[in-house]
Every structure is written in C-alpha cells, then in structure tokens.
N, C-alpha and C. Protein backbone atom coordinates (compact mmCIF):
# COMPACT_ATOMS: atom_id res chain seq x y z
N UNK A 1 87.99 90.41 108.12
CA UNK A 1 88.42 91.02 109.32
C UNK A 1 88.07 90.09 110.47
N UNK A 2 88.94 90.04 111.46
CA UNK A 2 88.73 89.16 112.60
C UNK A 2 88.88 90.00 113.86
N UNK A 3 87.80 90.19 114.60
CA UNK A 3 87.80 91.01 115.81
C UNK A 3 87.38 90.17 117.00
N UNK A 4 87.78 90.61 118.20
CA UNK A 4 87.24 90.00 119.41
C UNK A 4 85.75 90.33 119.46
N UNK A 5 84.95 89.43 120.03
CA UNK A 5 83.50 89.67 120.10
C UNK A 5 83.19 90.98 120.82
N UNK A 6 83.88 91.26 121.92
CA UNK A 6 83.64 92.49 122.68
C UNK A 6 83.98 93.73 121.84
N UNK A 7 85.06 93.66 121.09
CA UNK A 7 85.46 94.77 120.23
C UNK A 7 84.39 95.02 119.17
N UNK A 8 83.84 93.95 118.58
CA UNK A 8 82.80 94.10 117.57
C UNK A 8 81.55 94.74 118.16
N UNK A 9 81.17 94.33 119.36
CA UNK A 9 80.01 94.92 120.02
C UNK A 9 80.26 96.40 120.28
N UNK A 10 81.49 96.74 120.71
CA UNK A 10 81.85 98.13 120.97
C UNK A 10 81.81 99.00 119.72
N UNK A 11 81.98 98.39 118.57
CA UNK A 11 81.92 99.13 117.30
C UNK A 11 80.52 99.17 116.71
N UNK A 12 79.53 98.64 117.45
CA UNK A 12 78.14 98.70 116.99
C UNK A 12 77.56 97.37 116.57
N UNK A 13 78.33 96.30 116.63
CA UNK A 13 77.83 94.98 116.28
C UNK A 13 78.17 94.59 114.86
N UNK A 14 78.04 93.30 114.61
CA UNK A 14 78.47 92.73 113.34
C UNK A 14 77.65 93.28 112.17
N UNK A 15 76.36 93.52 112.36
CA UNK A 15 75.54 94.02 111.25
C UNK A 15 75.93 95.44 110.86
N UNK A 16 76.25 96.30 111.84
CA UNK A 16 76.69 97.66 111.53
C UNK A 16 78.05 97.65 110.84
N UNK A 17 78.95 96.79 111.31
CA UNK A 17 80.27 96.68 110.68
C UNK A 17 80.13 96.19 109.24
N UNK A 18 79.30 95.18 109.01
CA UNK A 18 79.07 94.68 107.65
C UNK A 18 78.51 95.78 106.75
N UNK A 19 77.52 96.52 107.28
CA UNK A 19 76.90 97.59 106.49
C UNK A 19 77.91 98.67 106.12
N UNK A 20 78.76 99.05 107.07
CA UNK A 20 79.77 100.07 106.80
C UNK A 20 80.79 99.58 105.78
N UNK A 21 81.21 98.33 105.90
CA UNK A 21 82.17 97.78 104.94
C UNK A 21 81.54 97.65 103.56
N UNK A 22 80.26 97.25 103.51
CA UNK A 22 79.55 97.12 102.24
C UNK A 22 79.42 98.49 101.57
N UNK A 23 79.07 99.52 102.35
CA UNK A 23 78.93 100.88 101.80
C UNK A 23 80.26 101.38 101.26
N UNK A 24 81.35 101.18 102.02
CA UNK A 24 82.66 101.62 101.56
C UNK A 24 83.06 100.90 100.28
N UNK A 25 82.80 99.61 100.21
CA UNK A 25 83.15 98.84 99.01
C UNK A 25 82.35 99.32 97.80
N UNK A 26 81.09 99.60 97.99
CA UNK A 26 80.26 100.08 96.88
C UNK A 26 80.70 101.46 96.40
N UNK A 27 81.18 102.29 97.33
CA UNK A 27 81.70 103.60 96.94
C UNK A 27 82.95 103.46 96.08
N UNK A 28 83.64 102.35 96.22
CA UNK A 28 84.81 102.06 95.38
C UNK A 28 84.42 101.42 94.06
N UNK A 29 83.11 101.17 93.89
CA UNK A 29 82.64 100.58 92.65
C UNK A 29 82.65 99.06 92.65
N UNK A 30 82.81 98.46 93.82
CA UNK A 30 82.83 97.00 93.91
C UNK A 30 81.41 96.45 93.86
N UNK A 31 81.29 95.26 93.33
CA UNK A 31 80.06 94.47 93.44
C UNK A 31 80.37 93.45 94.52
N UNK A 32 79.65 93.51 95.64
CA UNK A 32 80.09 92.76 96.81
C UNK A 32 79.08 91.76 97.32
N UNK A 33 79.61 90.83 98.06
CA UNK A 33 78.84 89.94 98.91
C UNK A 33 79.51 90.01 100.27
N UNK A 34 78.72 89.97 101.35
CA UNK A 34 79.29 90.08 102.69
C UNK A 34 78.84 88.92 103.56
N UNK A 35 79.67 88.63 104.54
CA UNK A 35 79.37 87.60 105.53
C UNK A 35 79.79 88.16 106.88
N UNK A 36 78.99 87.96 107.90
CA UNK A 36 79.35 88.38 109.24
C UNK A 36 78.92 87.33 110.24
N UNK A 37 79.85 86.91 111.08
CA UNK A 37 79.55 85.89 112.09
C UNK A 37 80.16 86.31 113.41
N UNK A 38 79.38 86.24 114.46
CA UNK A 38 79.87 86.56 115.80
C UNK A 38 79.94 85.27 116.60
N UNK A 39 80.87 85.20 117.52
CA UNK A 39 80.96 84.05 118.40
C UNK A 39 81.61 82.82 117.79
N UNK A 40 82.40 82.99 116.75
CA UNK A 40 83.12 81.84 116.19
C UNK A 40 84.31 81.54 117.09
N UNK A 41 84.99 80.45 116.85
CA UNK A 41 86.15 80.14 117.67
C UNK A 41 87.28 81.16 117.47
N UNK A 42 87.17 81.97 116.40
CA UNK A 42 88.15 83.02 116.12
C UNK A 42 87.63 84.39 116.50
N UNK A 43 86.48 84.48 117.17
CA UNK A 43 85.88 85.76 117.50
C UNK A 43 84.86 86.14 116.46
N UNK A 44 84.74 87.44 116.20
CA UNK A 44 83.81 87.94 115.19
C UNK A 44 84.54 88.03 113.85
N UNK A 45 83.93 87.47 112.83
CA UNK A 45 84.54 87.50 111.50
C UNK A 45 83.60 88.23 110.55
N UNK A 46 84.15 89.20 109.80
CA UNK A 46 83.39 89.94 108.81
C UNK A 46 84.17 89.87 107.50
N UNK A 47 83.48 89.46 106.44
CA UNK A 47 84.12 89.28 105.14
C UNK A 47 83.35 90.11 104.10
N UNK A 48 84.08 90.86 103.31
CA UNK A 48 83.52 91.55 102.15
C UNK A 48 84.29 91.05 100.94
N UNK A 49 83.57 90.49 99.98
CA UNK A 49 84.21 89.92 98.79
C UNK A 49 83.75 90.66 97.56
N UNK A 50 84.71 91.13 96.78
CA UNK A 50 84.42 91.76 95.49
C UNK A 50 84.22 90.64 94.48
N UNK A 51 83.04 90.57 93.88
CA UNK A 51 82.71 89.45 92.99
C UNK A 51 82.75 89.82 91.51
N UNK A 52 83.35 90.98 91.19
CA UNK A 52 83.48 91.35 89.78
C UNK A 52 84.51 90.46 89.09
N UNK A 53 84.43 90.38 87.77
CA UNK A 53 85.45 89.67 87.00
C UNK A 53 86.76 90.45 87.11
N UNK A 54 87.87 89.73 87.17
CA UNK A 54 89.18 90.36 87.29
C UNK A 54 89.62 90.85 85.91
N UNK A 55 89.94 92.16 85.79
CA UNK A 55 90.44 92.66 84.50
C UNK A 55 91.79 92.02 84.17
N UNK A 56 92.03 91.81 82.89
CA UNK A 56 93.27 91.16 82.45
C UNK A 56 94.52 91.84 82.98
N UNK A 57 94.51 93.18 83.05
CA UNK A 57 95.72 93.89 83.49
C UNK A 57 96.05 93.65 84.97
N UNK A 58 95.11 93.09 85.73
CA UNK A 58 95.34 92.82 87.15
C UNK A 58 95.64 91.35 87.44
N UNK A 59 95.50 90.49 86.45
CA UNK A 59 95.71 89.06 86.67
C UNK A 59 97.10 88.72 87.19
N UNK A 60 98.14 89.39 86.67
CA UNK A 60 99.51 89.10 87.12
C UNK A 60 99.67 89.42 88.60
N UNK A 61 99.12 90.56 89.04
CA UNK A 61 99.22 90.95 90.45
C UNK A 61 98.48 89.95 91.33
N UNK A 62 97.29 89.54 90.90
CA UNK A 62 96.52 88.57 91.67
C UNK A 62 97.21 87.22 91.72
N UNK A 63 97.81 86.82 90.63
CA UNK A 63 98.55 85.55 90.61
C UNK A 63 99.72 85.61 91.58
N UNK A 64 100.45 86.73 91.59
CA UNK A 64 101.56 86.89 92.53
C UNK A 64 101.06 86.85 93.98
N UNK A 65 99.95 87.52 94.26
CA UNK A 65 99.39 87.51 95.61
C UNK A 65 98.97 86.10 96.02
N UNK A 66 98.35 85.39 95.09
CA UNK A 66 97.95 84.01 95.38
C UNK A 66 99.17 83.13 95.67
N UNK A 67 100.23 83.32 94.89
CA UNK A 67 101.46 82.57 95.12
C UNK A 67 102.07 82.92 96.48
N UNK A 68 102.03 84.21 96.86
CA UNK A 68 102.53 84.63 98.18
C UNK A 68 101.76 83.93 99.28
N UNK A 69 100.44 83.85 99.14
CA UNK A 69 99.62 83.19 100.16
C UNK A 69 99.92 81.69 100.21
N UNK A 70 100.13 81.09 99.06
CA UNK A 70 100.46 79.67 99.03
C UNK A 70 101.80 79.43 99.72
N UNK A 71 102.78 80.29 99.44
CA UNK A 71 104.08 80.16 100.10
C UNK A 71 103.94 80.30 101.62
N UNK A 72 103.11 81.26 102.06
CA UNK A 72 102.89 81.45 103.50
C UNK A 72 102.24 80.21 104.11
N UNK A 73 101.27 79.62 103.40
CA UNK A 73 100.60 78.41 103.91
C UNK A 73 101.59 77.26 103.98
N UNK A 74 102.41 77.11 102.95
CA UNK A 74 103.42 76.05 102.97
C UNK A 74 104.45 76.27 104.07
N UNK A 75 104.79 77.54 104.29
CA UNK A 75 105.71 77.87 105.38
C UNK A 75 105.13 77.43 106.71
N UNK A 76 103.83 77.64 106.88
CA UNK A 76 103.16 77.25 108.11
C UNK A 76 103.18 75.74 108.31
N UNK A 77 102.98 75.01 107.22
CA UNK A 77 102.92 73.55 107.32
C UNK A 77 104.30 72.93 107.42
N UNK A 78 105.24 73.35 106.55
CA UNK A 78 106.53 72.69 106.47
C UNK A 78 107.71 73.55 106.90
N UNK A 79 107.46 74.84 107.10
CA UNK A 79 108.56 75.76 107.35
C UNK A 79 109.00 75.79 108.80
N UNK A 80 109.66 76.88 109.13
CA UNK A 80 110.15 77.09 110.48
C UNK A 80 108.99 77.15 111.47
N UNK A 81 109.32 76.96 112.73
CA UNK A 81 108.28 76.96 113.76
C UNK A 81 107.73 78.36 114.02
N UNK A 82 108.43 79.40 113.61
CA UNK A 82 108.00 80.77 113.84
C UNK A 82 106.79 81.14 112.99
N UNK A 83 106.23 82.31 113.24
CA UNK A 83 105.05 82.74 112.47
C UNK A 83 105.39 83.02 111.01
N UNK A 84 104.44 82.77 110.15
CA UNK A 84 104.62 83.07 108.73
C UNK A 84 104.60 84.58 108.55
N UNK A 85 105.27 85.10 107.55
CA UNK A 85 105.25 86.54 107.33
C UNK A 85 103.83 87.01 106.99
N UNK A 86 103.50 88.24 107.41
CA UNK A 86 102.18 88.81 107.10
C UNK A 86 102.13 89.12 105.62
N UNK A 87 101.10 88.62 104.95
CA UNK A 87 100.96 88.78 103.52
C UNK A 87 100.04 89.96 103.20
N UNK A 88 100.25 90.60 102.06
CA UNK A 88 99.34 91.65 101.61
C UNK A 88 97.95 91.06 101.53
N UNK A 89 96.98 91.79 102.04
CA UNK A 89 95.60 91.34 101.95
C UNK A 89 95.23 90.26 102.95
N UNK A 90 96.12 89.98 103.91
CA UNK A 90 95.81 88.95 104.89
C UNK A 90 94.80 89.47 105.89
N UNK A 91 94.09 88.56 106.54
CA UNK A 91 93.10 88.95 107.54
C UNK A 91 93.78 89.73 108.66
N UNK A 92 94.96 89.30 109.10
CA UNK A 92 95.65 90.00 110.18
C UNK A 92 95.99 91.43 109.80
N UNK A 93 96.49 91.63 108.60
CA UNK A 93 96.85 92.97 108.14
C UNK A 93 95.62 93.83 107.95
N UNK A 94 94.57 93.31 107.33
CA UNK A 94 93.36 94.11 107.12
C UNK A 94 92.70 94.48 108.44
N UNK A 95 92.73 93.59 109.43
CA UNK A 95 92.16 93.89 110.74
C UNK A 95 92.95 95.01 111.41
N UNK A 96 94.28 94.97 111.31
CA UNK A 96 95.11 96.03 111.88
C UNK A 96 94.80 97.37 111.21
N UNK A 97 94.64 97.37 109.89
CA UNK A 97 94.33 98.60 109.17
C UNK A 97 92.96 99.14 109.58
N UNK A 98 91.98 98.24 109.79
CA UNK A 98 90.65 98.65 110.22
C UNK A 98 90.71 99.29 111.60
N UNK A 99 91.42 98.66 112.53
CA UNK A 99 91.54 99.21 113.89
C UNK A 99 92.22 100.58 113.85
N UNK A 100 93.24 100.75 113.02
CA UNK A 100 93.92 102.04 112.92
C UNK A 100 92.98 103.10 112.37
N UNK A 101 92.15 102.75 111.39
CA UNK A 101 91.20 103.72 110.83
C UNK A 101 90.16 104.13 111.86
N UNK A 102 89.67 103.17 112.65
CA UNK A 102 88.69 103.48 113.70
C UNK A 102 89.31 104.39 114.74
N UNK A 103 90.55 104.10 115.14
CA UNK A 103 91.23 104.92 116.14
C UNK A 103 91.49 106.33 115.62
N UNK A 104 91.83 106.45 114.35
CA UNK A 104 92.08 107.75 113.75
C UNK A 104 90.81 108.58 113.64
N UNK A 105 89.68 107.92 113.35
CA UNK A 105 88.41 108.62 113.22
C UNK A 105 87.94 109.16 114.57
N UNK A 106 88.34 108.49 115.64
CA UNK A 106 87.98 108.95 116.99
C UNK A 106 86.52 108.65 117.31
N UNK A 107 86.12 109.02 118.54
CA UNK A 107 84.73 108.75 118.97
C UNK A 107 83.72 109.62 118.30
C-alpha cells in the first residue's frame, strides 16, 4: 500500500497500519512478514507478504498474474506513452481498496 505521509499519520501511523494489516492477514490464515516505511520518495509504504508455499492448484493463477505484471512493466518501458492498465494485486489498486474500506468503516 502506498499512502501520503499525512494520510498515514491520520490513520494512526505506519506501525498501527502494519499491525492492523498483519492481524487481518493472520485471520485469513496467512503466515506473514511486514514492512512499513514513512517518508520515502513515494510517501508511506506498507507491505504485507504472505510467505506460505503456494499450493499447486493456485500456481496457474499466480503465473497468469505474474505474466500480467510483466506485460504491464513492458508496456511502461516500450509501450504507449499513456499509463499502463491497473493490474490485479497492484499497489495502486490495493491502496484504493484500503481507502474505500476505511471510508466505509467511518470514524
């Protein structure tokens, strides 16, 4: 997730956001590692990574997603000057989903 530094502070800070994301991931049964950095050139970045082994039945979906991301990266380098399409699981899409969930939960 990539947030403006002020937005991250308004949500309780990077450590609270990491803790909430870690708790949600563990409730899903994920084995996670998290990273949180504030003040990067991209703002505040929070990463939650599921480090479990990928089950065989999901490998095809993951391979397709990886290929989609590679196509998007190649589009950025060699493609049209316009923005690359938003990919499933992209930082931009996950950040939008996070903001929508926070807005829906209310104060």
